[in-house]
Amino acid sequence: MSTQWRWDLLDASGAVMAQGASPGFPTQSEAESWIGEAWPQLLDDGVDAVTLREGEVVVYGPMSLRPAE
């Protein structure tokens, strides 16, 4: 059984948003490449932060999508 990697999409309060999660990816590298490309649109869509999961296990996050000041 292969594990899927995905990003939980979080609002400013840290709650999982209605759209819930990103598509699933077969590798961590592919998930990280996707977030590297998708974050500007996600931010425009109201996503404030993301958490990376491998299956149900949190790998890291929450990680803000907002630029550092």
N, C-alpha and C. Protein backbone atom coordinates (compact mmCIF):
# COMPACT_ATOMS: atom_id res chain seq x y z
N MET A 1 0.84 -1.19 0.00
CA MET A 1 0.00 0.00 0.00
C MET A 1 0.89 1.25 0.00
N SER A 2 0.65 2.14 -0.95
CA SER A 2 1.45 3.37 -1.00
C SER A 2 0.78 4.47 -0.19
N THR A 3 1.62 5.24 0.46
CA THR A 3 1.12 6.35 1.28
C THR A 3 1.04 7.59 0.42
N GLN A 4 -0.01 8.34 0.59
CA GLN A 4 -0.17 9.60 -0.12
C GLN A 4 0.30 10.75 0.76
N TRP A 5 0.97 11.69 0.14
CA TRP A 5 1.37 12.93 0.79
C TRP A 5 0.35 13.99 0.38
N ARG A 6 -0.02 14.85 1.33
CA ARG A 6 -0.98 15.92 1.01
C ARG A 6 -0.79 17.08 1.97
N TRP A 7 -1.30 18.20 1.55
CA TRP A 7 -1.26 19.41 2.36
C TRP A 7 -2.65 19.68 2.91
N ASP A 8 -2.78 19.85 4.24
CA ASP A 8 -4.01 20.38 4.82
C ASP A 8 -3.99 21.88 4.57
N LEU A 9 -5.11 22.43 4.12
CA LEU A 9 -5.22 23.86 3.83
C LEU A 9 -5.92 24.53 5.00
N LEU A 10 -5.24 25.48 5.64
CA LEU A 10 -5.71 26.08 6.89
C LEU A 10 -6.07 27.55 6.72
N ASP A 11 -7.11 27.98 7.44
CA ASP A 11 -7.46 29.40 7.45
C ASP A 11 -6.64 30.12 8.52
N ALA A 12 -6.89 31.41 8.68
CA ALA A 12 -6.11 32.23 9.62
C ALA A 12 -6.23 31.76 11.07
N SER A 13 -7.33 31.07 11.41
CA SER A 13 -7.50 30.57 12.78
C SER A 13 -6.82 29.21 12.98
N GLY A 14 -6.30 28.62 11.89
CA GLY A 14 -5.65 27.31 11.98
C GLY A 14 -6.59 26.15 11.70
N ALA A 15 -7.85 26.46 11.38
CA ALA A 15 -8.82 25.40 11.08
C ALA A 15 -8.68 24.94 9.63
N VAL A 16 -8.93 23.66 9.39
CA VAL A 16 -8.92 23.13 8.03
C VAL A 16 -10.06 23.79 7.25
N MET A 17 -9.75 24.29 6.08
CA MET A 17 -10.73 24.99 5.26
C MET A 17 -11.71 24.02 4.60
N ALA A 18 -12.80 24.56 4.06
CA ALA A 18 -13.83 23.74 3.43
C ALA A 18 -13.27 22.88 2.30
N GLN A 19 -12.31 23.41 1.51
CA GLN A 19 -11.72 22.60 0.44
C GLN A 19 -10.79 21.54 1.01
N GLY A 20 -10.45 21.65 2.30
CA GLY A 20 -9.79 20.57 3.03
C GLY A 20 -8.33 20.34 2.78
N ALA A 21 -8.00 19.77 1.63
CA ALA A 21 -6.62 19.36 1.41
C ALA A 21 -6.27 19.47 -0.07
N SER A 22 -4.98 19.44 -0.32
CA SER A 22 -4.47 19.42 -1.69
C SER A 22 -4.76 18.06 -2.31
N PRO A 23 -4.45 17.94 -3.60
CA PRO A 23 -4.45 16.60 -4.19
C PRO A 23 -3.41 15.74 -3.47
N GLY A 24 -3.50 14.45 -3.62
CA GLY A 24 -2.50 13.55 -3.06
C GLY A 24 -1.31 13.41 -3.99
N PHE A 25 -0.14 13.19 -3.41
CA PHE A 25 1.09 13.04 -4.18
C PHE A 25 1.79 11.77 -3.74
N PRO A 26 2.51 11.10 -4.66
CA PRO A 26 3.18 9.86 -4.30
C PRO A 26 4.45 10.06 -3.48
N THR A 27 5.05 11.27 -3.53
CA THR A 27 6.29 11.51 -2.80
C THR A 27 6.26 12.88 -2.11
N GLN A 28 7.09 13.02 -1.08
CA GLN A 28 7.22 14.29 -0.39
C GLN A 28 7.74 15.36 -1.35
N SER A 29 8.69 14.99 -2.18
CA SER A 29 9.27 15.93 -3.14
C SER A 29 8.21 16.51 -4.08
N GLU A 30 7.32 15.67 -4.57
CA GLU A 30 6.26 16.14 -5.46
C GLU A 30 5.29 17.06 -4.72
N ALA A 31 4.97 16.72 -3.48
CA ALA A 31 4.09 17.58 -2.67
C ALA A 31 4.74 18.95 -2.44
N GLU A 32 6.03 18.94 -2.14
CA GLU A 32 6.73 20.21 -1.89
C GLU A 32 6.89 21.02 -3.17
N SER A 33 7.10 20.37 -4.29
CA SER A 33 7.16 21.09 -5.57
C SER A 33 5.82 21.75 -5.87
N TRP A 34 4.73 21.02 -5.61
CA TRP A 34 3.40 21.56 -5.87
C TRP A 34 3.14 22.80 -5.02
N ILE A 35 3.46 22.74 -3.72
CA ILE A 35 3.19 23.90 -2.86
C ILE A 35 4.05 25.08 -3.28
N GLY A 36 5.26 24.81 -3.77
CA GLY A 36 6.14 25.87 -4.24
C GLY A 36 5.56 26.62 -5.43
N GLU A 37 4.76 25.95 -6.22
CA GLU A 37 4.11 26.58 -7.37
C GLU A 37 2.72 27.12 -7.04
N ALA A 38 1.99 26.44 -6.17
CA ALA A 38 0.58 26.75 -5.93
C ALA A 38 0.34 27.79 -4.84
N TRP A 39 1.34 28.09 -3.98
CA TRP A 39 1.07 28.93 -2.82
C TRP A 39 0.50 30.31 -3.15
N PRO A 40 0.91 31.00 -4.23
CA PRO A 40 0.31 32.32 -4.47
C PRO A 40 -1.20 32.23 -4.71
N GLN A 41 -1.63 31.23 -5.49
CA GLN A 41 -3.07 31.07 -5.75
C GLN A 41 -3.80 30.65 -4.48
N LEU A 42 -3.21 29.77 -3.70
CA LEU A 42 -3.83 29.35 -2.44
C LEU A 42 -4.02 30.55 -1.52
N LEU A 43 -3.00 31.40 -1.42
CA LEU A 43 -3.10 32.61 -0.59
C LEU A 43 -4.23 33.50 -1.08
N ASP A 44 -4.34 33.68 -2.41
CA ASP A 44 -5.44 34.46 -2.99
C ASP A 44 -6.80 33.84 -2.67
N ASP A 45 -6.83 32.50 -2.53
CA ASP A 45 -8.08 31.79 -2.24
C ASP A 45 -8.41 31.76 -0.74
N GLY A 46 -7.58 32.44 0.08
CA GLY A 46 -7.86 32.52 1.50
C GLY A 46 -7.14 31.53 2.38
N VAL A 47 -6.28 30.69 1.78
CA VAL A 47 -5.50 29.76 2.59
C VAL A 47 -4.38 30.55 3.28
N ASP A 48 -4.27 30.41 4.59
CA ASP A 48 -3.27 31.16 5.35
C ASP A 48 -2.03 30.33 5.64
N ALA A 49 -2.21 29.02 5.82
CA ALA A 49 -1.10 28.15 6.19
C ALA A 49 -1.41 26.74 5.70
N VAL A 50 -0.38 25.90 5.70
CA VAL A 50 -0.53 24.51 5.29
C VAL A 50 0.23 23.59 6.24
N THR A 51 -0.23 22.36 6.33
CA THR A 51 0.45 21.32 7.09
C THR A 51 0.63 20.12 6.18
N LEU A 52 1.86 19.61 6.10
CA LEU A 52 2.15 18.45 5.26
C LEU A 52 1.90 17.17 6.05
N ARG A 53 1.18 16.24 5.42
CA ARG A 53 0.89 14.94 6.02
C ARG A 53 1.36 13.83 5.09
N GLU A 54 1.86 12.79 5.71
CA GLU A 54 2.12 11.52 5.02
C GLU A 54 1.09 10.55 5.56
N GLY A 55 0.08 10.27 4.75
CA GLY A 55 -1.06 9.52 5.27
C GLY A 55 -1.76 10.38 6.32
N GLU A 56 -1.86 9.86 7.53
CA GLU A 56 -2.48 10.63 8.62
C GLU A 56 -1.45 11.25 9.56
N VAL A 57 -0.18 11.06 9.29
CA VAL A 57 0.90 11.55 10.16
C VAL A 57 1.34 12.95 9.72
N VAL A 58 1.38 13.90 10.66
CA VAL A 58 1.88 15.24 10.36
C VAL A 58 3.39 15.18 10.23
N VAL A 59 3.90 15.64 9.08
CA VAL A 59 5.34 15.68 8.83
C VAL A 59 5.89 17.01 9.31
N TYR A 60 5.25 18.11 8.91
CA TYR A 60 5.58 19.43 9.46
C TYR A 60 4.46 20.41 9.18
N GLY A 61 4.48 21.49 9.93
CA GLY A 61 3.47 22.53 9.81
C GLY A 61 2.79 22.72 11.13
N PRO A 62 1.95 23.71 11.20
CA PRO A 62 1.55 24.56 10.09
C PRO A 62 2.67 25.51 9.65
N MET A 63 2.66 25.76 8.34
CA MET A 63 3.63 26.64 7.71
C MET A 63 2.85 27.76 7.03
N SER A 64 3.13 28.99 7.40
CA SER A 64 2.44 30.14 6.82
C SER A 64 2.75 30.27 5.34
N LEU A 65 1.77 30.70 4.57
CA LEU A 65 1.99 31.01 3.17
C LEU A 65 2.30 32.49 2.96
N ARG A 66 2.20 33.27 4.03
CA ARG A 66 2.45 34.71 3.93
C ARG A 66 3.96 34.98 3.88
N PRO A 67 4.37 35.92 3.05
CA PRO A 67 5.79 36.28 2.99
C PRO A 67 6.29 36.78 4.36
N ALA A 68 7.53 36.46 4.68
CA ALA A 68 8.14 36.95 5.92
C ALA A 68 8.32 38.46 5.82
N GLU A 69 8.13 39.12 6.95
CA GLU A 69 8.27 40.59 6.94
C GLU A 69 9.64 41.00 7.38
